[in-house]
C-alpha cells in the first residue's frame, strides 16, 4: 500500500516538475513559483474576512453600549454634567416635545446649569441634602417649562414669519451695558455673565435670541392686548385722562389693565425700557405706548419727578396673555410630552 502511494506521489511530482525552462515556458514557470509562494503568504484566506467581520461586530457592540450608557445618563439619571451638555449641543437629542416639535436637551441644560451654579457657589447649598434635592427639582421644572415655551414660540415664529436677527440681539446687549455706575464694555459684561451664569458669549446670545423670539411672538399674537391699546389711544385723543382714570374707563369696557408707580429708581434702571422712556418726558407728561423689552406688555409712562441720579414715574400696563393661554391649551390637550421625570410645579403657569 505504501509502495503504491509512493509511486503515485513520484508520478505527481514528475508531472508538476518542469521538463525544461525555455523562452516560451518561462512565464508559465514564473506563475507556478509565485503560486507556490502565495500558499505560504495566505495560508488561510478566509481568516482576513473573519477578522473584518469581527471588527465590525465589536464596533457595533461598542456603539450600542455607548448609546445605552448615554441614554441612561441623560434620561433615567438626568445628568447635568458639562460633558453631556456639550454632547447634547452636538447631538440634538430631545428632552420633550411640544405640539410635534422636539425640545432640545441642550436648551433645557443651558437653563438649568446657571441655577445649579447659583445654589452651589452663592447659596452654598449641598445638593445631596433633602433641601438641596427639593430646590433642584424646582429649578428643573422651571428650566424645562422655559425650554418648552421657547420651543413653542420658535414654532409659532416660523408660522408667522417672525425673525429676530443679530442686530436686535446686539441692540438689546447695548442697552444692558448701561449700568447705574456708568457704561461698561462688552468684554466686562461677557466676563460677568460667565462668572454668574457660566455662559460663554455665544451661549448668552443664544439665550437672548430665544427670549427675544418669544417676546416678538407674544406681541404679534395677542389681539386682545392690541385691541385694548387701540381703545386707550382713542380715549386719550378725546380727553387727557390721568392714568388711573384711563384704567377705570378701560376696565368698565371689560379690558384688563394695571396701574402702578415705580418709586425712586436709578435713571439707568433695567425695567424693560420704562425708565429710559420716562427720562425723555417733562414732569407730569405722559408718553405714548411703548413695548416693554421684557415682553410683559404695552406701557404708558408718566414722569413724576427726577433728580441727578434717580427718577419716579407712574405707569399703565396692558398685559400680554395670549401666548400663555395658547401654551396652556396645548398642555391641556396633551400635546406636550416630557421624556424625563420632573415634578410638576405647584402652578402650571409658564412664565417668561
Protein backbone atom coordinates (compact mmCIF):
# COMPACT_ATOMS: atom_id res chain seq x y z
CA UNK A 1 0.00 0.00 0.00
CA UNK A 2 2.80 2.36 0.92
CA UNK A 3 4.66 1.49 -2.28
CA UNK A 4 1.60 2.34 -4.36
CA UNK A 5 1.21 5.73 -2.61
CA UNK A 6 4.91 6.49 -3.03
CA UNK A 7 4.77 5.69 -6.76
CA UNK A 8 1.68 7.86 -7.15
CA UNK A 9 3.41 10.76 -5.37
CA UNK A 10 6.51 10.44 -7.54
CA UNK A 11 4.28 10.48 -10.60
CA UNK A 12 2.54 13.73 -9.42
CA UNK A 13 5.89 15.36 -8.76
CA UNK A 14 7.15 14.30 -12.14
CA UNK A 15 4.05 15.76 -13.79
CA UNK A 16 4.36 19.06 -11.82
CA UNK A 17 8.11 19.42 -12.36
CA UNK A 18 9.09 21.38 -15.45
CA UNK A 19 10.84 19.29 -18.07
CA UNK A 20 12.86 22.27 -19.31
CA UNK A 21 12.67 26.07 -18.99
CA UNK A 22 12.74 27.86 -22.33
CA UNK A 23 11.80 31.35 -23.54
CA UNK A 24 8.36 30.02 -24.40
CA UNK A 25 7.72 28.40 -20.97
CA UNK A 26 9.41 30.94 -18.63
CA UNK A 27 6.16 32.85 -17.96
CA UNK A 28 4.36 29.65 -17.05
CA UNK A 29 7.13 28.59 -14.68
CA UNK A 30 7.20 32.04 -13.06
CA UNK A 31 3.48 31.80 -12.31
CA UNK A 32 3.94 28.34 -10.80
CA UNK A 33 6.66 29.65 -8.48
CA UNK A 34 4.58 32.66 -7.42
CA UNK A 35 1.54 30.46 -6.82
CA UNK A 36 3.58 28.27 -4.56
CA UNK A 37 4.71 31.30 -2.60
CA UNK A 38 1.16 32.56 -2.18
CA UNK A 39 0.27 29.38 -0.37
CA UNK A 40 2.73 30.36 2.36
CA UNK A 41 1.74 34.12 2.43
CA UNK A 42 -2.05 33.47 2.60
CA UNK A 43 -2.34 30.01 4.14
CA UNK A 44 -5.97 30.81 5.18
CA UNK A 45 -7.54 33.48 3.02
CA UNK A 46 -10.86 33.35 4.86
CA UNK A 47 -9.17 34.43 8.15
CA UNK A 48 -8.84 38.01 6.90
CA UNK A 49 -12.57 38.18 6.11
CA UNK A 50 -13.37 36.84 9.56
CA UNK A 51 -11.12 39.49 11.12
CA UNK A 52 -13.01 42.28 9.31
CA UNK A 53 -16.38 40.84 10.34
CA UNK A 54 -15.24 40.57 13.97
CA UNK A 55 -14.00 44.16 13.93
CA UNK A 56 -17.36 45.38 12.61
CA UNK A 57 -19.26 43.36 15.22
CA UNK A 58 -17.08 44.70 18.05
CA UNK A 59 -17.58 48.27 16.79
CA UNK A 60 -21.35 47.81 16.64
CA UNK A 61 -21.49 46.31 20.13
CA UNK A 62 -19.32 49.16 21.46
CA UNK A 63 -21.59 51.74 19.80
CA UNK A 64 -24.70 50.12 21.29
CA UNK A 65 -23.12 50.10 24.76
CA UNK A 66 -22.06 53.76 24.47
CA UNK A 67 -25.53 54.79 23.28
CA UNK A 68 -27.15 52.81 26.11
CA UNK A 69 -24.91 54.45 28.71
CA UNK A 70 -25.57 57.92 27.27
CA UNK A 71 -29.32 57.24 27.23
CA UNK A 72 -29.26 56.10 30.87
CA UNK A 73 -27.20 59.11 31.95
CA UNK A 74 -29.47 61.59 30.19
CA UNK A 75 -32.92 60.16 30.85
CA UNK A 76 -33.17 57.94 33.98
CA UNK A 77 -30.16 59.54 35.76
CA UNK A 78 -30.74 63.07 34.35
CA UNK A 79 -27.09 64.10 34.46
CA UNK A 80 -26.22 67.79 34.37
CA UNK A 81 -22.51 67.35 33.70
CA UNK A 82 -20.69 69.72 31.38
CA UNK A 83 -19.62 66.81 29.15
CA UNK A 84 -23.18 65.71 28.45
CA UNK A 85 -24.29 69.31 28.00
CA UNK A 86 -21.61 69.74 25.29
CA UNK A 87 -22.59 66.39 23.81
CA UNK A 88 -26.26 67.36 23.52
CA UNK A 89 -25.28 70.57 21.75
CA UNK A 90 -23.61 68.42 19.08
CA UNK A 91 -26.20 65.62 19.04
CA UNK A 92 -29.66 67.29 19.24
CA UNK A 93 -31.46 64.70 21.37
CA UNK A 94 -34.89 65.75 22.72
CA UNK A 95 -35.88 66.27 26.34
CA UNK A 96 -39.55 66.81 25.43
CA UNK A 97 -41.83 67.68 22.53
CA UNK A 98 -44.45 70.40 22.21
CA UNK A 99 -47.15 70.19 19.57
CA UNK A 100 -44.96 67.88 17.49
CA UNK A 101 -41.73 69.91 17.79
CA UNK A 102 -38.79 68.47 19.73
CA UNK A 103 -37.41 70.43 22.67
CA UNK A 104 -33.61 70.15 22.62
CA UNK A 105 -31.99 68.64 25.70
CA UNK A 106 -29.19 71.20 25.41
CA UNK A 107 -31.72 74.06 25.75
CA UNK A 108 -33.00 72.52 28.98
CA UNK A 109 -29.49 72.08 30.41
CA UNK A 110 -28.47 75.58 29.30
CA UNK A 111 -31.22 77.00 31.51
CA UNK A 112 -30.68 74.60 34.41
CA UNK A 113 -26.90 74.89 34.76
CA UNK A 114 -26.84 78.54 36.00
CA UNK A 115 -29.36 77.68 38.73
CA UNK A 116 -27.22 74.78 39.95
CA UNK A 117 -24.18 77.04 39.83
CA UNK A 118 -26.01 79.65 41.90
CA UNK A 119 -27.15 77.13 44.52
CA UNK A 120 -23.67 75.66 44.92
CA UNK A 121 -21.46 78.76 44.65
CA UNK A 122 -23.65 81.54 46.05
CA UNK A 123 -26.12 79.86 48.38
CA UNK A 124 -23.59 77.17 49.41
CA UNK A 125 -26.31 74.53 49.39
CA UNK A 126 -25.39 70.85 49.49
CA UNK A 127 -27.41 69.41 46.63
CA UNK A 128 -27.33 65.93 48.18
CA UNK A 129 -29.45 67.04 51.15
CA UNK A 130 -33.24 66.93 51.17
CA UNK A 131 -33.43 70.71 50.85
CA UNK A 132 -30.89 70.66 48.02
CA UNK A 133 -32.81 67.96 46.12
CA UNK A 134 -36.07 69.87 46.60
CA UNK A 135 -34.57 73.06 45.20
CA UNK A 136 -33.02 71.19 42.27
CA UNK A 137 -36.44 69.77 41.40
CA UNK A 138 -37.90 73.29 41.46
CA UNK A 139 -35.24 74.62 39.09
CA UNK A 140 -35.53 71.55 36.84
CA UNK A 141 -39.24 72.26 36.46
CA UNK A 142 -38.57 75.92 35.77
CA UNK A 143 -35.84 75.15 33.20
CA UNK A 144 -37.96 72.54 31.41
CA UNK A 145 -41.01 74.83 31.30
CA UNK A 146 -38.86 77.63 29.88
CA UNK A 147 -37.33 75.38 27.22
CA UNK A 148 -40.79 74.12 26.23
CA UNK A 149 -42.15 77.67 25.99
CA UNK A 150 -39.21 78.88 23.90
CA UNK A 151 -39.54 75.92 21.52
CA UNK A 152 -43.26 76.58 21.12
CA UNK A 153 -42.50 80.26 20.44
CA UNK A 154 -39.94 79.30 17.78
CA UNK A 155 -42.56 77.13 16.05
CA UNK A 156 -45.09 80.00 16.09
CA UNK A 157 -42.42 82.40 14.83
CA UNK A 158 -41.84 80.18 11.79
CA UNK A 159 -45.56 80.06 11.08
CA UNK A 160 -45.91 83.83 11.32
CA UNK A 161 -42.56 84.53 9.63
CA UNK A 162 -41.23 86.45 12.64
CA UNK A 163 -37.45 86.90 12.54
CA UNK A 164 -35.06 88.16 15.19
CA UNK A 165 -31.66 88.90 13.65
CA UNK A 166 -28.27 89.60 15.23
CA UNK A 167 -28.90 93.34 15.03
CA UNK A 168 -31.78 93.09 17.52
CA UNK A 169 -29.74 90.88 19.81
CA UNK A 170 -26.83 93.32 19.77
CA UNK A 171 -29.17 96.28 20.39
CA UNK A 172 -30.51 94.54 23.50
CA UNK A 173 -26.98 93.88 24.73
CA UNK A 174 -26.10 97.54 24.18
CA UNK A 175 -28.96 98.54 26.48
CA UNK A 176 -27.65 96.22 29.18
CA UNK A 177 -24.18 97.78 29.03
CA UNK A 178 -25.59 100.92 30.67
CA UNK A 179 -25.46 100.44 34.43
CA UNK A 180 -26.15 102.69 37.44
CA UNK A 181 -22.40 103.36 37.78
CA UNK A 182 -21.88 104.07 34.08
CA UNK A 183 -21.38 102.21 30.83
CA UNK A 184 -19.30 99.05 30.85
CA UNK A 185 -17.53 97.36 27.95
CA UNK A 186 -18.92 94.26 26.30
CA UNK A 187 -15.83 92.32 27.40
CA UNK A 188 -16.57 93.15 31.05
CA UNK A 189 -20.22 92.22 30.53
CA UNK A 190 -19.27 88.87 28.96
CA UNK A 191 -16.93 88.14 31.86
CA UNK A 192 -19.75 88.96 34.29
CA UNK A 193 -22.27 86.65 32.61
CA UNK A 194 -19.70 83.86 32.62
CA UNK A 195 -18.92 84.41 36.29
CA UNK A 196 -22.59 84.49 37.31
CA UNK A 197 -24.22 82.05 34.88
CA UNK A 198 -21.35 80.13 33.33
CA UNK A 199 -22.40 81.23 29.84
CA UNK A 200 -19.94 81.83 27.05
CA UNK A 201 -20.72 84.92 24.90
CA UNK A 202 -22.18 82.64 22.21
CA UNK A 203 -24.41 80.80 24.69
CA UNK A 204 -25.64 84.04 26.23
CA UNK A 205 -26.51 85.45 22.81
CA UNK A 206 -28.40 82.23 22.06
CA UNK A 207 -30.43 82.55 25.27
CA UNK A 208 -31.11 86.20 24.50
CA UNK A 209 -32.13 85.36 20.92
CA UNK A 210 -34.68 82.80 22.12
CA UNK A 211 -36.04 85.27 24.69
CA UNK A 212 -36.48 87.94 22.01
CA UNK A 213 -38.28 85.50 19.72
CA UNK A 214 -40.73 84.66 22.50
CA UNK A 215 -41.32 88.38 23.11
CA UNK A 216 -41.94 89.12 19.43
CA UNK A 217 -44.37 86.21 19.16
CA UNK A 218 -46.19 87.25 22.35
CA UNK A 219 -46.74 90.76 20.96
CA UNK A 220 -47.71 89.55 17.50
CA UNK A 221 -50.42 87.06 18.51
CA UNK A 222 -52.07 88.99 21.37
CA UNK A 223 -55.03 90.54 19.57
CA UNK A 224 -56.77 91.38 22.87
CA UNK A 225 -53.86 93.50 24.06
CA UNK A 226 -53.66 95.21 20.66
CA UNK A 227 -57.40 96.00 20.82
CA UNK A 228 -57.04 97.42 24.36
CA UNK A 229 -54.12 99.55 23.23
CA UNK A 230 -56.09 100.97 20.29
CA UNK A 231 -59.06 101.77 22.53
CA UNK A 232 -56.81 103.51 25.06
CA UNK A 233 -55.23 105.59 22.30
CA UNK A 234 -58.68 106.54 21.04
CA UNK A 235 -59.80 107.63 24.53
CA UNK A 236 -56.62 109.65 25.05
CA UNK A 237 -57.21 111.62 21.84
CA UNK A 238 -60.63 112.74 23.13
CA UNK A 239 -59.53 113.63 26.66
CA UNK A 240 -56.27 113.87 28.60
CA UNK A 241 -57.06 111.26 31.23
CA UNK A 242 -54.90 110.62 34.27
CA UNK A 243 -53.56 107.07 34.08
CA UNK A 244 -55.73 105.88 36.95
CA UNK A 245 -58.86 107.34 35.33
CA UNK A 246 -57.93 105.86 31.94
CA UNK A 247 -57.58 102.46 33.60
CA UNK A 248 -61.08 102.76 35.04
CA UNK A 249 -62.52 103.63 31.64
CA UNK A 250 -60.85 100.60 30.05
CA UNK A 251 -61.89 98.26 32.85
CA UNK A 252 -65.50 99.38 32.51
CA UNK A 253 -65.38 98.15 28.92
CA UNK A 254 -64.05 94.75 30.02
CA UNK A 255 -60.35 95.29 29.27
CA UNK A 256 -57.56 94.13 31.57
CA UNK A 257 -55.08 96.86 32.60
CA UNK A 258 -52.89 97.59 35.59
CA UNK A 259 -51.62 100.86 37.07
CA UNK A 260 -48.73 101.45 39.43
CA UNK A 261 -45.73 103.56 40.36
CA UNK A 262 -42.03 102.82 40.16
CA UNK A 263 -40.94 104.62 43.32
CA UNK A 264 -37.44 106.11 43.26
CA UNK A 265 -35.25 104.08 40.91
CA UNK A 266 -31.87 104.74 39.24
CA UNK A 267 -32.05 106.54 35.91
CA UNK A 268 -30.34 103.54 34.31
CA UNK A 269 -32.82 101.11 35.87
CA UNK A 270 -33.27 97.91 33.82
CA UNK A 271 -37.06 97.82 33.74
CA UNK A 272 -37.85 96.99 30.16
CA UNK A 273 -37.14 100.49 28.87
CA UNK A 274 -39.65 102.32 31.11
CA UNK A 275 -37.07 104.50 32.88
CA UNK A 276 -35.49 105.39 29.55
CA UNK A 277 -38.90 106.47 28.22
CA UNK A 278 -39.69 108.49 31.36
CA UNK A 279 -36.39 110.38 31.10
CA UNK A 280 -37.49 111.77 27.73
CA UNK A 281 -40.57 113.41 29.30
CA UNK A 282 -41.18 116.63 31.12
CA UNK A 283 -42.51 116.32 34.67
CA UNK A 284 -46.21 115.42 34.62
CA UNK A 285 -46.23 114.47 30.94
CA UNK A 286 -47.27 111.04 29.65
CA UNK A 287 -45.59 109.02 26.92
CA UNK A 288 -47.23 107.18 24.08
CA UNK A 289 -47.49 103.40 24.34
CA UNK A 290 -44.16 101.58 24.44
CA UNK A 291 -43.43 97.88 24.17
CA UNK A 292 -41.59 96.62 27.22
CA UNK A 293 -38.35 94.87 26.27
CA UNK A 294 -39.13 92.29 28.97
CA UNK A 295 -42.08 91.18 26.85
CA UNK A 296 -44.73 91.64 29.54
CA UNK A 297 -46.96 94.19 27.80
CA UNK A 298 -47.62 97.68 26.50
CA UNK A 299 -46.98 100.65 28.82
CA UNK A 300 -47.91 104.28 29.20
CA UNK A 301 -45.38 106.13 31.38
CA UNK A 302 -45.85 109.42 33.24
CA UNK A 303 -42.83 111.16 34.79
CA UNK A 304 -43.49 112.19 38.39
CA UNK A 305 -40.08 113.54 39.42
CA UNK A 306 -36.36 113.17 38.85
CA UNK A 307 -33.05 114.12 40.43
CA UNK A 308 -29.47 113.87 39.24
CA UNK A 309 -29.39 110.10 39.71
CA UNK A 310 -32.98 108.93 40.28
CA UNK A 311 -36.49 109.25 38.92
CA UNK A 312 -40.05 108.33 39.80
CA UNK A 313 -42.80 107.50 37.31
CA UNK A 314 -46.35 106.19 37.13
CA UNK A 315 -47.38 103.61 34.56
CA UNK A 316 -50.37 101.92 32.98
CA UNK A 317 -49.79 98.42 31.72
CA UNK A 318 -51.71 96.32 29.21
CA UNK A 319 -50.51 92.77 29.91
CA UNK A 320 -49.91 90.11 27.28
CA UNK A 321 -51.90 86.95 27.96
CA UNK A 322 -52.48 85.17 24.64
CA UNK A 323 -49.17 83.29 24.40
CA UNK A 324 -49.53 81.80 27.88
CA UNK A 325 -53.17 80.94 27.15
CA UNK A 326 -52.26 79.11 23.93
CA UNK A 327 -49.46 77.21 25.61
CA UNK A 328 -51.77 76.19 28.46
CA UNK A 329 -54.23 74.91 25.86
CA UNK A 330 -51.52 72.84 24.19
CA UNK A 331 -50.59 71.34 27.56
CA UNK A 332 -54.24 70.69 28.46
CA UNK A 333 -54.79 68.89 25.13
CA UNK A 334 -51.90 66.54 25.91
CA UNK A 335 -49.66 67.88 23.15
CA UNK A 336 -46.64 68.27 25.41
CA UNK A 337 -44.66 65.09 26.09
CA UNK A 338 -41.76 65.10 28.53
CA UNK A 339 -39.05 62.44 28.26
CA UNK A 340 -37.60 62.95 31.73
CA UNK A 341 -39.40 62.72 35.05
CA UNK A 342 -39.60 66.14 36.70
CA UNK A 343 -42.02 67.02 39.47
CA UNK A 344 -44.88 69.27 38.42
CA UNK A 345 -44.79 72.76 39.88
CA UNK A 346 -47.49 73.99 42.22
CA UNK A 347 -48.57 76.31 39.39
CA UNK A 348 -48.65 75.17 35.79
CA UNK A 349 -48.34 78.75 34.51
CA UNK A 350 -45.45 79.17 32.08
CA UNK A 351 -43.71 82.39 32.95
CA UNK A 352 -41.24 84.44 30.96
